[in-house]
Amino acid sequence: MEALCRAGVAPGDITLIGKAYSTRAEAAEVLRAQGVRLPGSVEMDDPAVSYETEIGAVVAAEVARMARNRWAGRLLVLDEGAIAGRALLGHPDLWRRTHVVEQTTRGARWAAAVPRPFPVVDVARSEVKQHLEGPLIAESMAAGVRRVLHELGQGAGTLSLGVVGYGTVGRRLAALLAADGHRVVIHDSDAVATAAARGDGLSTDDLPKLLHRAQVLIGCTGVPLLDRTALIRLPRPLVLINGASSDIEFPVWTERVPSRRLPSDHDSPRAPWRHHYTLAGPVPHMLAAGGFPVNFYCQDEPIPAPRFQVTRALMLAGAFQAVSQRTPGLHRLADSAQIMIETAFRELT
C-alpha cells in the first residue's frame, strides 16, 4: 500500500477488503489511520455458509457503490480471485476504466474461461511466482499442517497422508511432509502431474483408493473436493485439511456450529477458522481450522519476513503493468518484470 501511495495513489481512494481469516488487526489499524477504507467484518455473519458468499457480497456492494457514485477515475483491482470480476461483469459502465491484477490460480482459470471486457494481468501463473513464491507458501502450509495434527492429537508417529493436487504448492508440500517421515500418497486428475509425482518417488492412486488408504486428506486443488454426501460413504475417519485457499475445498459449511466444535482456547463462534470440528454422521471425520487454509495463526511463522517481499513485488509489478494495459483479456506478466523481481529476490535472500 505504501508503494502504491508513493506511486501517486491517494490513501482515501483505496478500498481494502481483507479476508477475515488472514487479516492482522495491527496492519488493519495502521491502514485505517492512513485513510484506507476497510469495509467488511473480522468475523462471519453466518459460519454455516461459504466464506466466498459473504466476501462476494461485500465486494459486490463496493462495486455497486462505485457505479452508483459514478466513479470517474480508473479502477485498479488487485488480487481479486475472480470475486470482483464476477461483480464487475454486471456494471459495463466501469469496464473501460477497469484494470485487474490476478494473483490466484483459481481466479486466473476463471479469467481464461470467461472473456473479460477489461485487461487482466495474470500474475498467478507467472513463472517467477510459481518457482519463488510457491515453495514459500508450501513451507508455511507444512508448518500449519504440523500444528493442526498436533492440536488434533495426531502429531506423534507416522501417518498416511493423501495429498490431492500436485501443483506448485502440493508438490513442495508433499516433499516436506514425506521428509517428516509420513507416508504420502498423491492424487491428481492431470496425467502429467501424476507422472511427476511418481518421478519424485511418491506413491499415486485414484481418489477412491486414496480415500480408503489415508488417515489425513490434504486438498490442494482450489476447487470443491469432497462434500458431505461423499464423506459419509467413507468407511474410516479422515482429518480434512485445506492446503489451498478460502473454504471451498471441503463444502461442509453447515457443520460449523458450536455443538460440533472441538475443545479449544478460543471462544469465537463466528470465526470458524479458529476451531476444529467433528462432522455429524456414522464416521467422525475431523475438519481442521473450519475448512479454511491452515497456514495462518502459526505462532512461529517459518518464512523470514524479507522473503515475503516477492509477493508484494509481484503485486506491485502487476499493478504497474495493468494500469498501462488497454487491451481487454488476459495478459501474462511481463518478462522484464519477472527478471527484475527474481534478481532482487536472489540478492535479498
Protein backbone atom coordinates (compact mmCIF):
# COMPACT_ATOMS: atom_id res chain seq x y z
CA MET A 1 0.00 0.00 0.00
CA GLU A 2 2.83 2.38 0.83
CA ALA A 3 4.45 1.63 -2.54
CA LEU A 4 1.19 2.37 -4.35
CA CYS A 5 0.85 5.65 -2.49
CA ARG A 6 4.43 6.61 -3.35
CA ALA A 7 3.47 5.96 -6.97
CA GLY A 8 0.66 8.50 -6.71
CA VAL A 9 -2.40 6.72 -5.31
CA ALA A 10 -4.25 8.65 -2.60
CA PRO A 11 -4.94 6.54 0.53
CA GLY A 12 -8.55 7.72 0.56
CA ASP A 13 -9.03 6.19 -2.90
CA ILE A 14 -8.01 2.72 -1.68
CA THR A 15 -10.59 0.18 -0.54
CA LEU A 16 -9.11 -2.94 1.04
CA ILE A 17 -11.42 -5.91 1.53
CA GLY A 18 -9.39 -8.32 3.60
CA LYS A 19 -10.28 -11.92 4.24
CA ALA A 20 -11.02 -12.15 7.94
CA TYR A 21 -9.14 -15.42 8.43
CA SER A 22 -5.89 -13.84 7.22
CA THR A 23 -6.29 -10.24 8.42
CA ARG A 24 -3.85 -8.95 11.02
CA ALA A 25 -5.56 -6.45 13.30
CA GLU A 26 -2.39 -4.40 13.70
CA ALA A 27 -1.99 -3.94 9.95
CA ALA A 28 -5.66 -3.05 9.55
CA GLU A 29 -5.40 -0.31 12.19
CA VAL A 30 -2.32 1.20 10.55
CA LEU A 31 -4.10 1.32 7.18
CA ARG A 32 -7.24 2.86 8.68
CA ALA A 33 -5.11 5.54 10.31
CA GLN A 34 -3.65 6.34 6.90
CA GLY A 35 -7.14 6.82 5.44
CA VAL A 36 -7.65 3.50 3.66
CA ARG A 37 -11.24 2.19 3.59
CA LEU A 38 -11.65 -1.29 5.13
CA PRO A 39 -15.26 -2.47 4.80
CA GLY A 40 -16.30 -5.92 5.93
CA SER A 41 -16.06 -7.74 9.23
CA VAL A 42 -13.37 -9.59 11.16
CA GLU A 43 -15.88 -12.41 11.71
CA MET A 44 -18.54 -14.17 9.67
CA ASP A 45 -22.19 -13.25 9.83
CA ASP A 46 -23.10 -16.91 9.29
CA PRO A 47 -20.39 -19.58 9.62
CA ALA A 48 -22.79 -22.16 8.12
CA VAL A 49 -22.33 -20.74 4.61
CA SER A 50 -19.25 -20.49 2.42
CA TYR A 51 -16.97 -17.58 3.22
CA GLU A 52 -16.93 -16.89 -0.53
CA THR A 53 -20.63 -16.00 -0.26
CA GLU A 54 -20.02 -13.37 2.41
CA ILE A 55 -16.95 -11.76 0.92
CA GLY A 56 -18.58 -11.85 -2.50
CA ALA A 57 -21.47 -9.81 -1.14
CA VAL A 58 -19.07 -7.22 0.34
CA VAL A 59 -17.16 -6.91 -2.94
CA ALA A 60 -20.36 -6.68 -4.97
CA ALA A 61 -21.64 -3.91 -2.69
CA GLU A 62 -18.41 -1.94 -3.14
CA VAL A 63 -18.54 -2.29 -6.93
CA ALA A 64 -22.19 -1.21 -6.91
CA ARG A 65 -21.29 1.77 -4.72
CA MET A 66 -18.65 2.90 -7.21
CA ALA A 67 -21.07 2.53 -10.10
CA ARG A 68 -23.81 4.36 -8.21
CA ASN A 69 -21.45 7.22 -7.32
CA ARG A 70 -20.34 7.40 -10.97
CA TRP A 71 -16.67 6.89 -10.19
CA ALA A 72 -14.83 8.97 -12.79
CA GLY A 73 -11.30 7.67 -12.32
CA ARG A 74 -9.71 4.41 -13.28
CA LEU A 75 -10.28 1.31 -11.15
CA LEU A 76 -7.33 -0.91 -10.28
CA VAL A 77 -8.32 -4.26 -8.75
CA LEU A 78 -5.58 -6.28 -7.03
CA ASP A 79 -5.63 -9.95 -6.02
CA GLU A 80 -9.29 -10.40 -6.81
CA GLY A 81 -9.67 -14.17 -7.09
CA ALA A 82 -12.48 -13.80 -9.66
CA ILE A 83 -14.77 -12.35 -6.98
CA ALA A 84 -14.58 -8.76 -8.20
CA GLY A 85 -14.56 -9.95 -11.82
CA ARG A 86 -17.98 -11.51 -11.42
CA ALA A 87 -19.34 -8.35 -9.79
CA LEU A 88 -17.83 -6.09 -12.45
CA LEU A 89 -19.43 -8.03 -15.29
CA GLY A 90 -22.75 -6.56 -14.17
CA HIS A 91 -21.52 -2.95 -14.47
CA PRO A 92 -20.50 -2.25 -18.09
CA ASP A 93 -20.16 1.45 -17.27
CA LEU A 94 -16.99 0.57 -15.32
CA TRP A 95 -15.38 -1.73 -17.89
CA ARG A 96 -13.41 0.79 -19.89
CA ARG A 97 -11.79 2.18 -16.73
CA THR A 98 -11.04 -1.15 -15.03
CA HIS A 99 -7.61 -2.82 -14.79
CA VAL A 100 -7.11 -6.07 -12.87
CA VAL A 101 -4.19 -7.97 -11.34
CA GLU A 102 -4.95 -11.64 -10.75
CA GLN A 103 -2.87 -13.26 -8.01
CA THR A 104 -4.72 -16.58 -7.61
CA THR A 105 -4.62 -19.58 -9.92
CA ARG A 106 -8.32 -20.14 -9.35
CA GLY A 107 -9.08 -16.61 -10.48
CA ALA A 108 -6.75 -16.89 -13.47
CA ARG A 109 -8.53 -20.04 -14.62
CA TRP A 110 -11.85 -18.24 -14.43
CA ALA A 111 -10.45 -15.24 -16.28
CA ALA A 112 -9.22 -17.54 -19.05
CA ALA A 113 -12.59 -19.29 -19.31
CA VAL A 114 -14.79 -16.19 -19.16
CA PRO A 115 -13.86 -13.38 -21.60
CA ARG A 116 -13.07 -10.24 -19.63
CA PRO A 117 -14.11 -6.87 -21.11
CA PHE A 118 -11.12 -5.26 -19.34
CA PRO A 119 -7.40 -6.08 -19.13
CA VAL A 120 -6.28 -8.68 -16.56
CA VAL A 121 -2.59 -9.26 -15.78
CA ASP A 122 -2.03 -12.91 -14.90
CA VAL A 123 0.49 -12.78 -12.06
CA ALA A 124 -0.88 -16.04 -10.64
CA ARG A 125 0.62 -18.24 -13.34
CA SER A 126 3.80 -16.30 -13.93
CA GLU A 127 6.97 -18.37 -13.87
CA VAL A 128 8.58 -16.31 -11.12
CA LYS A 129 5.56 -16.69 -8.84
CA GLN A 130 5.49 -20.43 -9.42
CA HIS A 131 9.11 -21.15 -8.54
CA LEU A 132 9.76 -18.43 -5.95
CA GLU A 133 6.51 -17.86 -4.09
CA GLY A 134 5.04 -21.37 -4.42
CA PRO A 135 7.70 -23.03 -2.22
CA LEU A 136 7.25 -20.31 0.42
CA ILE A 137 3.53 -20.98 0.61
CA ALA A 138 4.19 -24.71 0.84
CA GLU A 139 6.63 -24.23 3.74
CA SER A 140 4.07 -22.11 5.58
CA MET A 141 1.38 -24.68 4.80
CA ALA A 142 3.58 -27.53 6.09
CA ALA A 143 4.01 -25.67 9.38
CA GLY A 144 0.22 -25.28 9.57
CA VAL A 145 -0.33 -28.99 8.90
CA ARG A 146 2.12 -29.94 11.67
CA ARG A 147 0.39 -27.57 14.10
CA VAL A 148 -3.07 -28.91 13.25
CA LEU A 149 -2.01 -32.54 13.58
CA HIS A 150 -0.51 -31.77 16.98
CA GLU A 151 -3.68 -29.99 18.14
CA LEU A 152 -5.79 -32.93 17.00
CA GLY A 153 -3.60 -35.45 18.79
CA GLN A 154 -2.21 -36.83 15.53
CA GLY A 155 1.27 -35.36 15.82
CA ALA A 156 3.15 -38.44 17.00
CA GLY A 157 4.23 -41.26 14.72
CA THR A 158 3.93 -41.94 11.02
CA LEU A 159 0.66 -41.15 9.28
CA SER A 160 -0.75 -41.98 5.89
CA LEU A 161 -1.31 -38.61 4.22
CA GLY A 162 -3.25 -38.16 0.99
CA VAL A 163 -2.40 -35.03 -0.95
CA VAL A 164 -4.87 -34.18 -3.72
CA GLY A 165 -3.45 -31.71 -6.24
CA TYR A 166 0.19 -31.90 -7.29
CA GLY A 167 0.69 -28.36 -8.48
CA THR A 168 3.32 -25.90 -7.32
CA VAL A 169 2.21 -25.89 -3.67
CA GLY A 170 1.07 -29.51 -3.50
CA ARG A 171 4.36 -30.79 -4.88
CA ARG A 172 6.55 -28.95 -2.38
CA LEU A 173 4.14 -29.65 0.49
CA ALA A 174 4.20 -33.37 -0.26
CA ALA A 175 8.00 -33.38 -0.23
CA LEU A 176 8.13 -31.60 3.13
CA LEU A 177 5.63 -33.96 4.73
CA ALA A 178 7.40 -37.02 3.32
CA ALA A 179 10.64 -35.67 4.80
CA ASP A 180 8.84 -35.63 8.18
CA GLY A 181 8.54 -39.40 7.85
CA HIS A 182 4.90 -39.68 6.78
CA ARG A 183 3.62 -41.99 4.03
CA VAL A 184 2.43 -39.58 1.34
CA VAL A 185 0.10 -40.69 -1.46
CA ILE A 186 -0.74 -38.34 -4.33
CA HIS A 187 -3.81 -37.96 -6.50
CA ASP A 188 -4.08 -35.53 -9.38
CA SER A 189 -6.55 -35.65 -12.25
CA ASP A 190 -3.80 -34.48 -14.60
CA ALA A 191 -1.68 -37.30 -16.04
CA VAL A 192 1.41 -35.09 -16.33
CA ALA A 193 1.20 -34.15 -12.63
CA THR A 194 0.69 -37.79 -11.69
CA ALA A 195 3.77 -38.78 -13.67
CA ALA A 196 5.74 -36.01 -11.95
CA ALA A 197 4.74 -37.37 -8.54
CA ARG A 198 5.93 -40.83 -9.49
CA GLY A 199 9.14 -39.34 -10.82
CA ASP A 200 9.62 -37.69 -7.43
CA GLY A 201 9.42 -41.12 -5.80
CA LEU A 202 5.91 -40.76 -4.34
CA SER A 203 3.02 -43.21 -4.50
CA THR A 204 -0.03 -42.25 -6.54
CA ASP A 205 -3.56 -43.61 -6.60
CA ASP A 206 -7.02 -42.81 -7.86
CA LEU A 207 -9.16 -40.82 -5.47
CA PRO A 208 -11.44 -43.64 -4.18
CA LYS A 209 -8.46 -45.83 -3.28
CA LEU A 210 -6.57 -42.92 -1.76
CA LEU A 211 -9.55 -42.11 0.46
CA HIS A 212 -9.52 -45.67 1.77
CA ARG A 213 -5.77 -45.60 2.44
CA ALA A 214 -5.34 -42.18 4.02
CA GLN A 215 -5.72 -41.07 7.61
CA VAL A 216 -5.29 -37.41 6.68
CA LEU A 217 -6.55 -35.78 3.47
CA ILE A 218 -4.98 -32.52 2.31
CA GLY A 219 -6.72 -30.74 -0.54
CA CYS A 220 -4.54 -28.53 -2.74
CA THR A 221 -6.90 -28.16 -5.68
CA GLY A 222 -8.61 -24.78 -5.23
CA VAL A 223 -11.95 -26.37 -6.15
CA PRO A 224 -14.56 -28.32 -4.13
CA LEU A 225 -13.11 -31.73 -3.38
CA LEU A 226 -15.40 -33.72 -1.06
CA ASP A 227 -18.88 -32.78 0.12
CA ARG A 228 -20.90 -34.27 2.97
CA THR A 229 -22.53 -36.93 0.77
CA ALA A 230 -19.14 -38.27 -0.32
CA LEU A 231 -17.71 -38.15 3.20
CA ILE A 232 -20.45 -40.18 4.89
CA ARG A 233 -19.80 -43.04 2.46
CA LEU A 234 -16.23 -43.50 3.62
CA PRO A 235 -15.53 -46.41 5.96
CA ARG A 236 -12.95 -44.73 8.20
CA PRO A 237 -12.50 -41.24 9.67
CA LEU A 238 -10.31 -38.68 7.96
CA VAL A 239 -8.68 -35.49 9.15
CA LEU A 240 -9.61 -32.96 6.46
CA ILE A 241 -7.03 -30.22 5.87
CA ASN A 242 -7.33 -27.37 3.41
CA GLY A 243 -4.00 -26.76 1.68
CA ALA A 244 -5.45 -24.29 -0.83
CA SER A 245 -7.45 -21.08 -0.38
CA SER A 246 -10.69 -19.88 1.21
CA ASP A 247 -13.04 -22.62 2.48
CA ILE A 248 -14.21 -24.27 -0.73
CA GLU A 249 -12.04 -27.41 -0.65
CA PHE A 250 -14.49 -29.19 1.68
CA PRO A 251 -18.01 -27.72 1.29
CA VAL A 252 -19.41 -28.88 4.63
CA TRP A 253 -20.16 -25.41 5.99
CA THR A 254 -23.36 -26.41 7.82
CA GLU A 255 -21.20 -28.48 10.19
CA ARG A 256 -19.58 -25.32 11.56
CA VAL A 257 -21.86 -24.98 14.56
CA PRO A 258 -20.90 -24.74 18.26
CA SER A 259 -22.11 -28.28 19.02
CA ARG A 260 -19.60 -29.75 16.54
CA ARG A 261 -16.60 -27.72 17.75
CA LEU A 262 -13.71 -29.49 19.38
CA PRO A 263 -12.46 -28.01 22.68
CA SER A 264 -10.10 -25.07 22.20
CA ASP A 265 -8.78 -21.95 23.88
CA HIS A 266 -10.86 -19.72 21.61
CA ASP A 267 -14.42 -18.59 22.14
CA SER A 268 -15.21 -17.15 18.72
CA PRO A 269 -18.19 -18.94 17.16
CA ARG A 270 -18.23 -16.56 14.19
CA ALA A 271 -14.55 -17.18 13.42
CA PRO A 272 -14.67 -20.85 12.34
CA TRP A 273 -11.05 -20.76 11.13
CA ARG A 274 -10.00 -20.72 14.80
CA HIS A 275 -11.72 -24.05 15.53
CA HIS A 276 -11.64 -27.70 14.54
CA TYR A 277 -14.91 -29.57 14.09
CA THR A 278 -16.18 -33.14 14.08
CA LEU A 279 -18.65 -33.90 11.31
CA ALA A 280 -22.01 -35.44 12.13
CA GLY A 281 -22.72 -38.92 10.79
CA PRO A 282 -21.62 -42.51 11.15
CA VAL A 283 -17.94 -41.68 10.56
CA PRO A 284 -16.43 -38.97 12.81
CA HIS A 285 -14.35 -37.02 10.29
CA MET A 286 -12.48 -34.01 11.66
CA LEU A 287 -12.48 -30.70 9.80
CA ALA A 288 -9.31 -28.78 10.61
CA ALA A 289 -9.49 -24.99 11.01
CA GLY A 290 -13.13 -24.98 9.96
CA GLY A 291 -12.13 -25.95 6.43
CA PHE A 292 -10.01 -22.81 5.99
CA PRO A 293 -6.33 -22.73 4.98
CA VAL A 294 -4.13 -23.91 7.84
CA ASN A 295 -1.15 -21.68 7.12
CA PHE A 296 -2.43 -18.79 9.27
CA TYR A 297 -2.20 -18.19 13.02
CA CYS A 298 1.05 -20.13 13.34
CA GLN A 299 2.90 -18.93 16.42
CA ASP A 300 6.24 -19.50 14.71
CA GLU A 301 5.99 -18.38 11.10
CA PRO A 302 8.64 -20.39 9.23
CA ILE A 303 9.24 -17.87 6.45
CA PRO A 304 11.58 -14.94 7.20
CA ALA A 305 9.86 -11.61 6.54
CA PRO A 306 12.25 -10.44 3.75
CA ARG A 307 11.31 -13.44 1.62
CA PHE A 308 7.67 -12.38 1.64
CA GLN A 309 8.68 -9.32 -0.36
CA VAL A 310 8.41 -11.45 -3.51
CA THR A 311 4.61 -11.50 -3.11
CA ARG A 312 4.42 -7.74 -2.68
CA ALA A 313 6.78 -7.15 -5.59
CA LEU A 314 4.70 -9.35 -7.88
CA MET A 315 1.53 -7.49 -6.96
CA LEU A 316 3.15 -4.08 -7.49
CA ALA A 317 4.65 -5.11 -10.84
CA GLY A 318 1.25 -6.40 -11.91
CA ALA A 319 -0.33 -3.09 -10.89
CA PHE A 320 2.06 -1.02 -12.98
CA GLN A 321 1.51 -3.25 -16.00
CA ALA A 322 -2.26 -3.37 -15.54
CA VAL A 323 -2.80 0.39 -15.48
CA SER A 324 -0.81 0.77 -18.72
CA GLN A 325 -2.70 -2.07 -20.41
CA ARG A 326 -5.63 -1.12 -22.63
CA THR A 327 -6.46 -4.34 -24.48
CA PRO A 328 -9.18 -6.44 -22.78
CA GLY A 329 -8.46 -10.04 -21.85
CA LEU A 330 -5.79 -11.99 -20.01
CA HIS A 331 -2.15 -10.88 -20.27
CA ARG A 332 0.97 -12.63 -18.92
CA LEU A 333 3.19 -10.74 -16.53
CA ALA A 334 5.97 -9.06 -18.49
CA ASP A 335 9.24 -10.97 -18.71
CA SER A 336 11.21 -7.83 -17.82
CA ALA A 337 9.32 -7.50 -14.52
CA GLN A 338 9.82 -11.17 -13.72
CA ILE A 339 13.56 -10.96 -14.33
CA MET A 340 13.83 -7.84 -12.16
CA ILE A 341 11.91 -9.45 -9.30
CA GLU A 342 13.86 -12.69 -9.41
CA THR A 343 17.18 -10.86 -9.46
CA ALA A 344 16.21 -8.73 -6.46
CA PHE A 345 14.85 -11.76 -4.61
CA ARG A 346 18.07 -13.70 -5.06
CA GLU A 347 20.11 -10.74 -3.83
CA LEU A 348 17.80 -10.21 -0.83
CA THR A 349 17.72 -13.82 0.32
